Amino acid sequence: MIKTDKIDEDKLIEGLLRIASNIKIAHHIPGRIRLKASLSGLNSVQEIDIKKIVGSIPGILSVRINPFGMSAIIEYDQEQLPCDLWVSLGEVGKRPEIAARVVERLQTLFSDRRRYEQF
């Protein structure tokens, strides 16, 4: 996992929201999610290093990208990344009004990680 400072965290969250607004949840079981890029958002998503952004989030265990299927499989720790956070991320594209709440939750996630790393 990549260690980040506050500036990098803001960029990571911005990139994650950009990704989230161009994907949908194709399949989800606690601990594993498959995200699929929308055809309309493909150009936007291609410009982003999805693996780096998603892999930098605390609780991500692995990221596998399938460029031909325009999808990614992410395995994660349910304790750190609850299912409802993924659902909220998946809804950002359709419901931009929830983006601020999602950003707040992600900032808290990074803040909690910084506190943990101090010990």
PDB file of N, CA and C in Angstrom:
ATOM      1  N   MET A   1       0.827  -1.167   0.000  1.00  0.00           N
ATOM      2  CA  MET A   1       0.000   0.000   0.000  1.00  0.00           C
ATOM      3  C   MET A   1       0.880   1.242   0.000  1.00  0.00           C
ATOM      4  N   ILE A   2       0.464   2.258  -0.713  1.00  0.00           N
ATOM      5  CA  ILE A   2       1.230   3.482  -0.849  1.00  0.00           C
ATOM      6  C   ILE A   2       0.920   4.397   0.322  1.00  0.00           C
ATOM      7  N   LYS A   3       1.970   4.945   0.966  1.00  0.00           N
ATOM      8  CA  LYS A   3       1.748   5.923   2.020  1.00  0.00           C
ATOM      9  C   LYS A   3       1.479   7.265   1.359  1.00  0.00           C
ATOM     10  N   THR A   4       0.522   7.998   1.910  1.00  0.00           N
ATOM     11  CA  THR A   4       0.138   9.266   1.300  1.00  0.00           C
ATOM     12  C   THR A   4       0.119  10.363   2.332  1.00  0.00           C
ATOM     13  N   ASP A   5       0.302  11.618   1.875  1.00  0.00           N
ATOM     14  CA  ASP A   5       0.093  12.751   2.752  1.00  0.00           C
ATOM     15  C   ASP A   5      -1.248  13.379   2.377  1.00  0.00           C
ATOM     16  N   LYS A   6      -1.607  14.482   3.054  1.00  0.00           N
ATOM     17  CA  LYS A   6      -2.934  15.075   2.858  1.00  0.00           C
ATOM     18  C   LYS A   6      -3.177  15.475   1.408  1.00  0.00           C
ATOM     19  N   ILE A   7      -2.185  16.081   0.748  1.00  0.00           N
ATOM     20  CA  ILE A   7      -2.364  16.506  -0.641  1.00  0.00           C
ATOM     21  C   ILE A   7      -2.619  15.296  -1.527  1.00  0.00           C
ATOM     22  N   ASP A   8      -1.829  14.258  -1.356  1.00  0.00           N
ATOM     23  CA  ASP A   8      -2.021  13.052  -2.161  1.00  0.00           C
ATOM     24  C   ASP A   8      -3.371  12.406  -1.872  1.00  0.00           C
ATOM     25  N   GLU A   9      -3.805  12.437  -0.628  1.00  0.00           N
ATOM     26  CA  GLU A   9      -5.104  11.865  -0.284  1.00  0.00           C
ATOM     27  C   GLU A   9      -6.215  12.582  -1.021  1.00  0.00           C
ATOM     28  N   ASP A  10      -6.142  13.900  -1.088  1.00  0.00           N
ATOM     29  CA  ASP A  10      -7.158  14.662  -1.810  1.00  0.00           C
ATOM     30  C   ASP A  10      -7.183  14.273  -3.282  1.00  0.00           C
ATOM     31  N   LYS A  11      -5.998  14.093  -3.877  1.00  0.00           N
ATOM     32  CA  LYS A  11      -5.921  13.687  -5.285  1.00  0.00           C
ATOM     33  C   LYS A  11      -6.460  12.269  -5.472  1.00  0.00           C
ATOM     34  N   LEU A  12      -6.146  11.392  -4.524  1.00  0.00           N
ATOM     35  CA  LEU A  12      -6.662  10.019  -4.599  1.00  0.00           C
ATOM     36  C   LEU A  12      -8.182  10.004  -4.516  1.00  0.00           C
ATOM     37  N   ILE A  13      -8.725  10.775  -3.589  1.00  0.00           N
ATOM     38  CA  ILE A  13     -10.184  10.823  -3.436  1.00  0.00           C
ATOM     39  C   ILE A  13     -10.825  11.418  -4.682  1.00  0.00           C
ATOM     40  N   GLU A  14     -10.232  12.468  -5.227  1.00  0.00           N
ATOM     41  CA  GLU A  14     -10.744  13.075  -6.457  1.00  0.00           C
ATOM     42  C   GLU A  14     -10.745  12.056  -7.600  1.00  0.00           C
ATOM     43  N   GLY A  15      -9.635  11.306  -7.725  1.00  0.00           N
ATOM     44  CA  GLY A  15      -9.550  10.275  -8.763  1.00  0.00           C
ATOM     45  C   GLY A  15     -10.566   9.168  -8.546  1.00  0.00           C
ATOM     46  N   LEU A  16     -10.752   8.789  -7.295  1.00  0.00           N
ATOM     47  CA  LEU A  16     -11.724   7.741  -6.979  1.00  0.00           C
ATOM     48  C   LEU A  16     -13.143   8.185  -7.320  1.00  0.00           C
ATOM     49  N   LEU A  17     -13.479   9.423  -7.022  1.00  0.00           N
ATOM     50  CA  LEU A  17     -14.809   9.931  -7.372  1.00  0.00           C
ATOM     51  C   LEU A  17     -14.992  10.005  -8.887  1.00  0.00           C
ATOM     52  N   ARG A  18     -13.937  10.357  -9.581  1.00  0.00           N
ATOM     53  CA  ARG A  18     -14.004  10.393 -11.046  1.00  0.00           C
ATOM     54  C   ARG A  18     -14.245   8.985 -11.599  1.00  0.00           C
ATOM     55  N   ILE A  19     -13.550   8.020 -11.024  1.00  0.00           N
ATOM     56  CA  ILE A  19     -13.773   6.631 -11.424  1.00  0.00           C
ATOM     57  C   ILE A  19     -15.204   6.219 -11.088  1.00  0.00           C
ATOM     58  N   ALA A  20     -15.619   6.519  -9.862  1.00  0.00           N
ATOM     59  CA  ALA A  20     -16.941   6.087  -9.377  1.00  0.00           C
ATOM     60  C   ALA A  20     -18.071   6.619 -10.244  1.00  0.00           C
ATOM     61  N   SER A  21     -17.913   7.817 -10.772  1.00  0.00           N
ATOM     62  CA  SER A  21     -18.994   8.382 -11.579  1.00  0.00           C
ATOM     63  C   SER A  21     -19.064   7.752 -12.972  1.00  0.00           C
ATOM     64  N   ASN A  22     -18.089   6.898 -13.308  1.00  0.00           N
ATOM     65  CA  ASN A  22     -18.057   6.264 -14.626  1.00  0.00           C
ATOM     66  C   ASN A  22     -18.099   4.746 -14.560  1.00  0.00           C
ATOM     67  N   ILE A  23     -18.452   4.204 -13.410  1.00  0.00           N
ATOM     68  CA  ILE A  23     -18.527   2.746 -13.270  1.00  0.00           C
ATOM     69  C   ILE A  23     -19.865   2.344 -12.664  1.00  0.00           C
ATOM     70  N   LYS A  24     -20.130   1.056 -12.746  1.00  0.00           N
ATOM     71  CA  LYS A  24     -21.270   0.489 -12.031  1.00  0.00           C
ATOM     72  C   LYS A  24     -20.794  -0.782 -11.346  1.00  0.00           C
ATOM     73  N   ILE A  25     -21.490  -1.155 -10.318  1.00  0.00           N
ATOM     74  CA  ILE A  25     -21.161  -2.393  -9.614  1.00  0.00           C
ATOM     75  C   ILE A  25     -21.797  -3.534 -10.392  1.00  0.00           C
ATOM     76  N   ALA A  26     -20.964  -4.404 -10.925  1.00  0.00           N
ATOM     77  CA  ALA A  26     -21.457  -5.542 -11.703  1.00  0.00           C
ATOM     78  C   ALA A  26     -21.785  -6.721 -10.802  1.00  0.00           C
ATOM     79  N   HIS A  27     -21.003  -6.873  -9.726  1.00  0.00           N
ATOM     80  CA  HIS A  27     -21.201  -8.006  -8.809  1.00  0.00           C
ATOM     81  C   HIS A  27     -20.551  -7.636  -7.488  1.00  0.00           C
ATOM     82  N   HIS A  28     -21.196  -7.997  -6.398  1.00  0.00           N
ATOM     83  CA  HIS A  28     -20.630  -7.634  -5.099  1.00  0.00           C
ATOM     84  C   HIS A  28     -21.028  -8.655  -4.038  1.00  0.00           C
ATOM     85  N   ILE A  29     -20.022  -9.226  -3.427  1.00  0.00           N
ATOM     86  CA  ILE A  29     -20.214 -10.008  -2.215  1.00  0.00           C
ATOM     87  C   ILE A  29     -19.268  -9.393  -1.187  1.00  0.00           C
ATOM     88  N   PRO A  30     -19.601  -9.410   0.070  1.00  0.00           N
ATOM     89  CA  PRO A  30     -18.718  -8.793   1.062  1.00  0.00           C
ATOM     90  C   PRO A  30     -17.279  -9.303   0.927  1.00  0.00           C
ATOM     91  N   GLY A  31     -16.361  -8.362   0.735  1.00  0.00           N
ATOM     92  CA  GLY A  31     -14.955  -8.698   0.585  1.00  0.00           C
ATOM     93  C   GLY A  31     -14.464  -8.751  -0.847  1.00  0.00           C
ATOM     94  N   ARG A  32     -15.396  -8.733  -1.810  1.00  0.00           N
ATOM     95  CA  ARG A  32     -15.011  -8.814  -3.223  1.00  0.00           C
ATOM     96  C   ARG A  32     -16.063  -8.102  -4.066  1.00  0.00           C
ATOM     97  N   ILE A  33     -15.580  -7.216  -4.942  1.00  0.00           N
ATOM     98  CA  ILE A  33     -16.495  -6.463  -5.795  1.00  0.00           C
ATOM     99  C   ILE A  33     -15.938  -6.410  -7.213  1.00  0.00           C
ATOM    100  N   ARG A  34     -16.835  -6.486  -8.180  1.00  0.00           N
ATOM    101  CA  ARG A  34     -16.427  -6.320  -9.583  1.00  0.00           C
ATOM    102  C   ARG A  34     -17.098  -5.064 -10.103  1.00  0.00           C
ATOM    103  N   LEU A  35     -16.266  -4.149 -10.598  1.00  0.00           N
ATOM    104  CA  LEU A  35     -16.737  -2.879 -11.135  1.00  0.00           C
ATOM    105  C   LEU A  35     -16.594  -2.899 -12.643  1.00  0.00           C
ATOM    106  N   LYS A  36     -17.551  -2.336 -13.334  1.00  0.00           N
ATOM    107  CA  LYS A  36     -17.530  -2.304 -14.790  1.00  0.00           C
ATOM    108  C   LYS A  36     -17.621  -0.848 -15.241  1.00  0.00           C
ATOM    109  N   ALA A  37     -16.718  -0.456 -16.142  1.00  0.00           N
ATOM    110  CA  ALA A  37     -16.721   0.911 -16.674  1.00  0.00           C
ATOM    111  C   ALA A  37     -17.858   1.070 -17.667  1.00  0.00           C
ATOM    112  N   SER A  38     -18.488   2.238 -17.632  1.00  0.00           N
ATOM    113  CA  SER A  38     -19.531   2.523 -18.617  1.00  0.00           C
ATOM    114  C   SER A  38     -18.862   2.887 -19.938  1.00  0.00           C
ATOM    115  N   LEU A  39     -19.518   2.580 -21.028  1.00  0.00           N
ATOM    116  CA  LEU A  39     -18.971   2.901 -22.338  1.00  0.00           C
ATOM    117  C   LEU A  39     -18.818   4.415 -22.498  1.00  0.00           C
ATOM    118  N   SER A  40     -19.780   5.159 -21.988  1.00  0.00           N
ATOM    119  CA  SER A  40     -19.728   6.617 -22.119  1.00  0.00           C
ATOM    120  C   SER A  40     -18.579   7.233 -21.316  1.00  0.00           C
ATOM    121  N   GLY A  41     -18.178   6.594 -20.221  1.00  0.00           N
ATOM    122  CA  GLY A  41     -17.104   7.129 -19.393  1.00  0.00           C
ATOM    123  C   GLY A  41     -15.761   6.490 -19.639  1.00  0.00           C
ATOM    124  N   LEU A  42     -15.656   5.656 -20.665  1.00  0.00           N
ATOM    125  CA  LEU A  42     -14.429   4.910 -20.923  1.00  0.00           C
ATOM    126  C   LEU A  42     -13.217   5.827 -21.097  1.00  0.00           C
ATOM    127  N   ASN A  43     -13.346   6.891 -21.882  1.00  0.00           N
ATOM    128  CA  ASN A  43     -12.210   7.805 -22.081  1.00  0.00           C
ATOM    129  C   ASN A  43     -11.753   8.409 -20.767  1.00  0.00           C
ATOM    130  N   SER A  44     -12.682   8.799 -19.941  1.00  0.00           N
ATOM    131  CA  SER A  44     -12.343   9.404 -18.654  1.00  0.00           C
ATOM    132  C   SER A  44     -11.618   8.405 -17.760  1.00  0.00           C
ATOM    133  N   VAL A  45     -12.076   7.184 -17.728  1.00  0.00           N
ATOM    134  CA  VAL A  45     -11.489   6.145 -16.881  1.00  0.00           C
ATOM    135  C   VAL A  45     -10.123   5.722 -17.410  1.00  0.00           C
ATOM    136  N   GLN A  46      -9.937   5.697 -18.728  1.00  0.00           N
ATOM    137  CA  GLN A  46      -8.663   5.274 -19.302  1.00  0.00           C
ATOM    138  C   GLN A  46      -7.523   6.218 -18.930  1.00  0.00           C
ATOM    139  N   GLU A  47      -7.841   7.474 -18.666  1.00  0.00           N
ATOM    140  CA  GLU A  47      -6.818   8.463 -18.325  1.00  0.00           C
ATOM    141  C   GLU A  47      -6.335   8.325 -16.880  1.00  0.00           C
ATOM    142  N   ILE A  48      -6.964   7.466 -16.105  1.00  0.00           N
ATOM    143  CA  ILE A  48      -6.675   7.341 -14.680  1.00  0.00           C
ATOM    144  C   ILE A  48      -5.958   6.024 -14.416  1.00  0.00           C
ATOM    145  N   ASP A  49      -4.990   6.051 -13.515  1.00  0.00           N
ATOM    146  CA  ASP A  49      -4.311   4.830 -13.093  1.00  0.00           C
ATOM    147  C   ASP A  49      -5.176   4.180 -12.000  1.00  0.00           C
ATOM    148  N   ILE A  50      -6.166   3.431 -12.436  1.00  0.00           N
ATOM    149  CA  ILE A  50      -7.152   2.850 -11.522  1.00  0.00           C
ATOM    150  C   ILE A  50      -6.480   1.975 -10.472  1.00  0.00           C
ATOM    151  N   LYS A  51      -5.561   1.149 -10.903  1.00  0.00           N
ATOM    152  CA  LYS A  51      -4.911   0.222  -9.970  1.00  0.00           C
ATOM    153  C   LYS A  51      -4.180   0.982  -8.861  1.00  0.00           C
ATOM    154  N   LYS A  52      -3.489   2.067  -9.226  1.00  0.00           N
ATOM    155  CA  LYS A  52      -2.764   2.854  -8.228  1.00  0.00           C
ATOM    156  C   LYS A  52      -3.729   3.551  -7.267  1.00  0.00           C
ATOM    157  N   ILE A  53      -4.769   4.157  -7.807  1.00  0.00           N
ATOM    158  CA  ILE A  53      -5.718   4.890  -6.960  1.00  0.00           C
ATOM    159  C   ILE A  53      -6.433   3.937  -6.017  1.00  0.00           C
ATOM    160  N   VAL A  54      -7.035   2.903  -6.567  1.00  0.00           N
ATOM    161  CA  VAL A  54      -7.794   1.968  -5.744  1.00  0.00           C
ATOM    162  C   VAL A  54      -6.869   1.220  -4.789  1.00  0.00           C
ATOM    163  N   GLY A  55      -5.685   0.839  -5.254  1.00  0.00           N
ATOM    164  CA  GLY A  55      -4.732   0.119  -4.418  1.00  0.00           C
ATOM    165  C   GLY A  55      -4.170   0.946  -3.277  1.00  0.00           C
ATOM    166  N   SER A  56      -4.321   2.261  -3.337  1.00  0.00           N
ATOM    167  CA  SER A  56      -3.831   3.157  -2.289  1.00  0.00           C
ATOM    168  C   SER A  56      -4.832   3.348  -1.159  1.00  0.00           C
ATOM    169  N   ILE A  57      -6.013   2.807  -1.303  1.00  0.00           N
ATOM    170  CA  ILE A  57      -7.055   2.976  -0.289  1.00  0.00           C
ATOM    171  C   ILE A  57      -6.841   1.947   0.825  1.00  0.00           C
ATOM    172  N   PRO A  58      -6.856   2.414   2.068  1.00  0.00           N
ATOM    173  CA  PRO A  58      -6.695   1.471   3.182  1.00  0.00           C
ATOM    174  C   PRO A  58      -7.769   0.376   3.126  1.00  0.00           C
ATOM    175  N   GLY A  59      -7.344  -0.860   3.299  1.00  0.00           N
ATOM    176  CA  GLY A  59      -8.282  -1.975   3.300  1.00  0.00           C
ATOM    177  C   GLY A  59      -8.368  -2.725   1.985  1.00  0.00           C
ATOM    178  N   ILE A  60      -7.759  -2.196   0.925  1.00  0.00           N
ATOM    179  CA  ILE A  60      -7.754  -2.894  -0.368  1.00  0.00           C
ATOM    180  C   ILE A  60      -6.686  -3.985  -0.303  1.00  0.00           C
ATOM    181  N   LEU A  61      -7.081  -5.208  -0.589  1.00  0.00           N
ATOM    182  CA  LEU A  61      -6.161  -6.340  -0.545  1.00  0.00           C
ATOM    183  C   LEU A  61      -5.561  -6.643  -1.915  1.00  0.00           C
ATOM    184  N   SER A  62      -6.377  -6.527  -2.966  1.00  0.00           N
ATOM    185  CA  SER A  62      -5.862  -6.753  -4.322  1.00  0.00           C
ATOM    186  C   SER A  62      -6.787  -6.092  -5.339  1.00  0.00           C
ATOM    187  N   VAL A  63      -6.187  -5.761  -6.489  1.00  0.00           N
ATOM    188  CA  VAL A  63      -6.922  -5.167  -7.602  1.00  0.00           C
ATOM    189  C   VAL A  63      -6.483  -5.880  -8.866  1.00  0.00           C
ATOM    190  N   ARG A  64      -7.461  -6.400  -9.604  1.00  0.00           N
ATOM    191  CA  ARG A  64      -7.161  -7.017 -10.903  1.00  0.00           C
ATOM    192  C   ARG A  64      -7.972  -6.288 -11.965  1.00  0.00           C
ATOM    193  N   ILE A  65      -7.280  -5.794 -12.967  1.00  0.00           N
ATOM    194  CA  ILE A  65      -7.911  -5.043 -14.044  1.00  0.00           C
ATOM    195  C   ILE A  65      -8.056  -5.948 -15.260  1.00  0.00           C
ATOM    196  N   ASN A  66      -9.233  -5.917 -15.886  1.00  0.00           N
ATOM    197  CA  ASN A  66      -9.471  -6.618 -17.141  1.00  0.00           C
ATOM    198  C   ASN A  66      -9.790  -5.554 -18.191  1.00  0.00           C
ATOM    199  N   PRO A  67      -8.773  -5.079 -18.934  1.00  0.00           N
ATOM    200  CA  PRO A  67      -9.015  -3.989 -19.884  1.00  0.00           C
ATOM    201  C   PRO A  67      -9.975  -4.372 -21.006  1.00  0.00           C
ATOM    202  N   PHE A  68      -9.967  -5.627 -21.412  1.00  0.00           N
ATOM    203  CA  PHE A  68     -10.850  -6.055 -22.492  1.00  0.00           C
ATOM    204  C   PHE A  68     -12.307  -6.127 -22.028  1.00  0.00           C
ATOM    205  N   GLY A  69     -12.500  -6.490 -20.781  1.00  0.00           N
ATOM    206  CA  GLY A  69     -13.850  -6.540 -20.220  1.00  0.00           C
ATOM    207  C   GLY A  69     -14.274  -5.223 -19.593  1.00  0.00           C
ATOM    208  N   MET A  70     -13.355  -4.235 -19.624  1.00  0.00           N
ATOM    209  CA  MET A  70     -13.595  -2.911 -19.029  1.00  0.00           C
ATOM    210  C   MET A  70     -14.066  -3.054 -17.585  1.00  0.00           C
ATOM    211  N   SER A  71     -13.382  -3.935 -16.839  1.00  0.00           N
ATOM    212  CA  SER A  71     -13.803  -4.172 -15.468  1.00  0.00           C
ATOM    213  C   SER A  71     -12.602  -4.340 -14.544  1.00  0.00           C
ATOM    214  N   ALA A  72     -12.886  -4.277 -13.263  1.00  0.00           N
ATOM    215  CA  ALA A  72     -11.861  -4.487 -12.236  1.00  0.00           C
ATOM    216  C   ALA A  72     -12.477  -5.316 -11.120  1.00  0.00           C
ATOM    217  N   ILE A  73     -11.686  -6.239 -10.590  1.00  0.00           N
ATOM    218  CA  ILE A  73     -12.099  -7.021  -9.427  1.00  0.00           C
ATOM    219  C   ILE A  73     -11.246  -6.550  -8.256  1.00  0.00           C
ATOM    220  N   ILE A  74     -11.918  -6.166  -7.196  1.00  0.00           N
ATOM    221  CA  ILE A  74     -11.236  -5.643  -6.020  1.00  0.00           C
ATOM    222  C   ILE A  74     -11.591  -6.516  -4.832  1.00  0.00           C
ATOM    223  N   GLU A  75     -10.558  -6.999  -4.158  1.00  0.00           N
ATOM    224  CA  GLU A  75     -10.753  -7.729  -2.909  1.00  0.00           C
ATOM    225  C   GLU A  75     -10.386  -6.772  -1.785  1.00  0.00           C
ATOM    226  N   TYR A  76     -11.215  -6.745  -0.739  1.00  0.00           N
ATOM    227  CA  TYR A  76     -11.019  -5.760   0.312  1.00  0.00           C
ATOM    228  C   TYR A  76     -11.360  -6.313   1.679  1.00  0.00           C
ATOM    229  N   ASP A  77     -10.871  -5.624   2.700  1.00  0.00           N
ATOM    230  CA  ASP A  77     -11.147  -5.960   4.090  1.00  0.00           C
ATOM    231  C   ASP A  77     -12.464  -5.297   4.484  1.00  0.00           C
ATOM    232  N   GLN A  78     -13.456  -6.118   4.785  1.00  0.00           N
ATOM    233  CA  GLN A  78     -14.788  -5.616   5.126  1.00  0.00           C
ATOM    234  C   GLN A  78     -14.804  -4.778   6.404  1.00  0.00           C
ATOM    235  N   GLU A  79     -13.845  -5.028   7.267  1.00  0.00           N
ATOM    236  CA  GLU A  79     -13.776  -4.266   8.519  1.00  0.00           C
ATOM    237  C   GLU A  79     -13.417  -2.814   8.255  1.00  0.00           C
ATOM    238  N   GLN A  80     -12.546  -2.584   7.284  1.00  0.00           N
ATOM    239  CA  GLN A  80     -12.113  -1.222   6.970  1.00  0.00           C
ATOM    240  C   GLN A  80     -12.995  -0.539   5.934  1.00  0.00           C
ATOM    241  N   LEU A  81     -13.515  -1.311   5.005  1.00  0.00           N
ATOM    242  CA  LEU A  81     -14.329  -0.770   3.913  1.00  0.00           C
ATOM    243  C   LEU A  81     -15.690  -1.457   3.907  1.00  0.00           C
ATOM    244  N   PRO A  82     -16.643  -0.909   4.633  1.00  0.00           N
ATOM    245  CA  PRO A  82     -17.954  -1.555   4.703  1.00  0.00           C
ATOM    246  C   PRO A  82     -18.673  -1.568   3.350  1.00  0.00           C
ATOM    247  N   CYS A  83     -19.520  -2.548   3.170  1.00  0.00           N
ATOM    248  CA  CYS A  83     -20.257  -2.716   1.912  1.00  0.00           C
ATOM    249  C   CYS A  83     -21.022  -1.456   1.519  1.00  0.00           C
ATOM    250  N   ASP A  84     -21.607  -0.774   2.507  1.00  0.00           N
ATOM    251  CA  ASP A  84     -22.411   0.399   2.163  1.00  0.00           C
ATOM    252  C   ASP A  84     -21.575   1.533   1.577  1.00  0.00           C
ATOM    253  N   LEU A  85     -20.279   1.591   1.889  1.00  0.00           N
ATOM    254  CA  LEU A  85     -19.420   2.593   1.266  1.00  0.00           C
ATOM    255  C   LEU A  85     -19.277   2.303  -0.224  1.00  0.00           C
ATOM    256  N   TRP A  86     -19.130   1.038  -0.573  1.00  0.00           N
ATOM    257  CA  TRP A  86     -19.052   0.663  -1.990  1.00  0.00           C
ATOM    258  C   TRP A  86     -20.348   1.005  -2.709  1.00  0.00           C
ATOM    259  N   VAL A  87     -21.469   0.737  -2.066  1.00  0.00           N
ATOM    260  CA  VAL A  87     -22.763   1.059  -2.670  1.00  0.00           C
ATOM    261  C   VAL A  87     -22.849   2.561  -2.915  1.00  0.00           C
ATOM    262  N   SER A  88     -22.444   3.350  -1.923  1.00  0.00           N
ATOM    263  CA  SER A  88     -22.467   4.810  -2.079  1.00  0.00           C
ATOM    264  C   SER A  88     -21.562   5.258  -3.229  1.00  0.00           C
ATOM    265  N   LEU A  89     -20.363   4.680  -3.311  1.00  0.00           N
ATOM    266  CA  LEU A  89     -19.472   5.014  -4.423  1.00  0.00           C
ATOM    267  C   LEU A  89     -20.108   4.681  -5.768  1.00  0.00           C
ATOM    268  N   GLY A  90     -20.789   3.543  -5.819  1.00  0.00           N
ATOM    269  CA  GLY A  90     -21.456   3.127  -7.053  1.00  0.00           C
ATOM    270  C   GLY A  90     -22.610   4.027  -7.450  1.00  0.00           C
ATOM    271  N   GLU A  91     -23.147   4.784  -6.504  1.00  0.00           N
ATOM    272  CA  GLU A  91     -24.280   5.673  -6.774  1.00  0.00           C
ATOM    273  C   GLU A  91     -23.869   7.110  -7.077  1.00  0.00           C
ATOM    274  N   VAL A  92     -22.595   7.452  -6.884  1.00  0.00           N
ATOM    275  CA  VAL A  92     -22.146   8.838  -7.073  1.00  0.00           C
ATOM    276  C   VAL A  92     -22.473   9.355  -8.472  1.00  0.00           C
ATOM    277  N   GLY A  93     -22.302   8.530  -9.495  1.00  0.00           N
ATOM    278  CA  GLY A  93     -22.584   8.957 -10.869  1.00  0.00           C
ATOM    279  C   GLY A  93     -24.033   9.325 -11.089  1.00  0.00           C
ATOM    280  N   LYS A  94     -24.940   8.616 -10.441  1.00  0.00           N
ATOM    281  CA  LYS A  94     -26.375   8.874 -10.598  1.00  0.00           C
ATOM    282  C   LYS A  94     -26.891   9.897  -9.591  1.00  0.00           C
ATOM    283  N   ARG A  95     -26.192  10.001  -8.462  1.00  0.00           N
ATOM    284  CA  ARG A  95     -26.640  10.882  -7.382  1.00  0.00           C
ATOM    285  C   ARG A  95     -25.478  11.749  -6.892  1.00  0.00           C
ATOM    286  N   PRO A  96     -25.099  12.762  -7.668  1.00  0.00           N
ATOM    287  CA  PRO A  96     -23.949  13.586  -7.293  1.00  0.00           C
ATOM    288  C   PRO A  96     -24.102  14.279  -5.935  1.00  0.00           C
ATOM    289  N   GLU A  97     -25.312  14.410  -5.458  1.00  0.00           N
ATOM    290  CA  GLU A  97     -25.530  15.064  -4.154  1.00  0.00           C
ATOM    291  C   GLU A  97     -24.946  14.267  -2.993  1.00  0.00           C
ATOM    292  N   ILE A  98     -24.632  12.985  -3.188  1.00  0.00           N
ATOM    293  CA  ILE A  98     -24.051  12.193  -2.095  1.00  0.00           C
ATOM    294  C   ILE A  98     -22.524  12.216  -2.110  1.00  0.00           C
ATOM    295  N   ALA A  99     -21.940  12.864  -3.121  1.00  0.00           N
ATOM    296  CA  ALA A  99     -20.476  12.885  -3.259  1.00  0.00           C
ATOM    297  C   ALA A  99     -19.799  13.469  -2.024  1.00  0.00           C
ATOM    298  N   ALA A 100     -20.335  14.542  -1.460  1.00  0.00           N
ATOM    299  CA  ALA A 100     -19.710  15.176  -0.288  1.00  0.00           C
ATOM    300  C   ALA A 100     -19.666  14.209   0.895  1.00  0.00           C
ATOM    301  N   ARG A 101     -20.726  13.452   1.085  1.00  0.00           N
ATOM    302  CA  ARG A 101     -20.765  12.474   2.182  1.00  0.00           C
ATOM    303  C   ARG A 101     -19.754  11.344   1.938  1.00  0.00           C
ATOM    304  N   VAL A 102     -19.627  10.915   0.699  1.00  0.00           N
ATOM    305  CA  VAL A 102     -18.664   9.865   0.358  1.00  0.00           C
ATOM    306  C   VAL A 102     -17.241  10.382   0.579  1.00  0.00           C
ATOM    307  N   VAL A 103     -16.969  11.612   0.172  1.00  0.00           N
ATOM    308  CA  VAL A 103     -15.646  12.214   0.380  1.00  0.00           C
ATOM    309  C   VAL A 103     -15.328  12.251   1.871  1.00  0.00           C
ATOM    310  N   GLU A 104     -16.288  12.642   2.676  1.00  0.00           N
ATOM    311  CA  GLU A 104     -16.089  12.699   4.130  1.00  0.00           C
ATOM    312  C   GLU A 104     -15.733  11.323   4.696  1.00  0.00           C
ATOM    313  N   ARG A 105     -16.426  10.300   4.234  1.00  0.00           N
ATOM    314  CA  ARG A 105     -16.144   8.937   4.712  1.00  0.00           C
ATOM    315  C   ARG A 105     -14.745   8.489   4.289  1.00  0.00           C
ATOM    316  N   LEU A 106     -14.345   8.828   3.070  1.00  0.00           N
ATOM    317  CA  LEU A 106     -13.013   8.460   2.589  1.00  0.00           C
ATOM    318  C   LEU A 106     -11.931   9.217   3.356  1.00  0.00           C
ATOM    319  N   GLN A 107     -12.163  10.484   3.642  1.00  0.00           N
ATOM    320  CA  GLN A 107     -11.205  11.256   4.432  1.00  0.00           C
ATOM    321  C   GLN A 107     -11.041  10.645   5.823  1.00  0.00           C
ATOM    322  N   THR A 108     -12.140  10.205   6.413  1.00  0.00           N
ATOM    323  CA  THR A 108     -12.089   9.548   7.717  1.00  0.00           C
ATOM    324  C   THR A 108     -11.285   8.257   7.626  1.00  0.00           C
ATOM    325  N   LEU A 109     -11.458   7.525   6.552  1.00  0.00           N
ATOM    326  CA  LEU A 109     -10.718   6.291   6.334  1.00  0.00           C
ATOM    327  C   LEU A 109      -9.216   6.558   6.302  1.00  0.00           C
ATOM    328  N   PHE A 110      -8.797   7.581   5.560  1.00  0.00           N
ATOM    329  CA  PHE A 110      -7.378   7.940   5.506  1.00  0.00           C
ATOM    330  C   PHE A 110      -6.884   8.431   6.861  1.00  0.00           C
ATOM    331  N   SER A 111      -7.693   9.199   7.542  1.00  0.00           N
ATOM    332  CA  SER A 111      -7.325   9.721   8.858  1.00  0.00           C
ATOM    333  C   SER A 111      -7.113   8.575   9.846  1.00  0.00           C
ATOM    334  N   ASP A 112      -8.012   7.607   9.825  1.00  0.00           N
ATOM    335  CA  ASP A 112      -7.881   6.435  10.695  1.00  0.00           C
ATOM    336  C   ASP A 112      -6.601   5.673  10.382  1.00  0.00           C
ATOM    337  N   ARG A 113      -6.252   5.574   9.098  1.00  0.00           N
ATOM    338  CA  ARG A 113      -5.028   4.865   8.717  1.00  0.00           C
ATOM    339  C   ARG A 113      -3.799   5.595   9.243  1.00  0.00           C
ATOM    340  N   ARG A 114      -3.798   6.930   9.155  1.00  0.00           N
ATOM    341  CA  ARG A 114      -2.646   7.697   9.661  1.00  0.00           C
ATOM    342  C   ARG A 114      -2.478   7.473  11.153  1.00  0.00           C
ATOM    343  N   ARG A 115      -3.582   7.439  11.895  1.00  0.00           N
ATOM    344  CA  ARG A 115      -3.503   7.198  13.334  1.00  0.00           C
ATOM    345  C   ARG A 115      -2.928   5.812  13.612  1.00  0.00           C
ATOM    346  N   TYR A 116      -3.339   4.818  12.862  1.00  0.00           N
ATOM    347  CA  TYR A 116      -2.863   3.445  13.019  1.00  0.00           C
ATOM    348  C   TYR A 116      -1.370   3.364  12.722  1.00  0.00           C
ATOM    349  N   GLU A 117      -0.913   4.065  11.670  1.00  0.00           N
ATOM    350  CA  GLU A 117       0.499   3.998  11.267  1.00  0.00           C
ATOM    351  C   GLU A 117       1.422   4.647  12.291  1.00  0.00           C
ATOM    352  N   GLN A 118       0.896   5.495  13.165  1.00  0.00           N
ATOM    353  CA  GLN A 118       1.716   6.157  14.172  1.00  0.00           C
ATOM    354  C   GLN A 118       2.169   5.177  15.262  1.00  0.00           C
ATOM    355  N   PHE A 119       1.470   4.079  15.408  1.00  0.00           N
ATOM    356  CA  PHE A 119       1.797   3.134  16.477  1.00  0.00           C
ATOM    357  C   PHE A 119       2.753   2.079  16.023  1.00  0.00           C
TER     358      PHE A 119
END
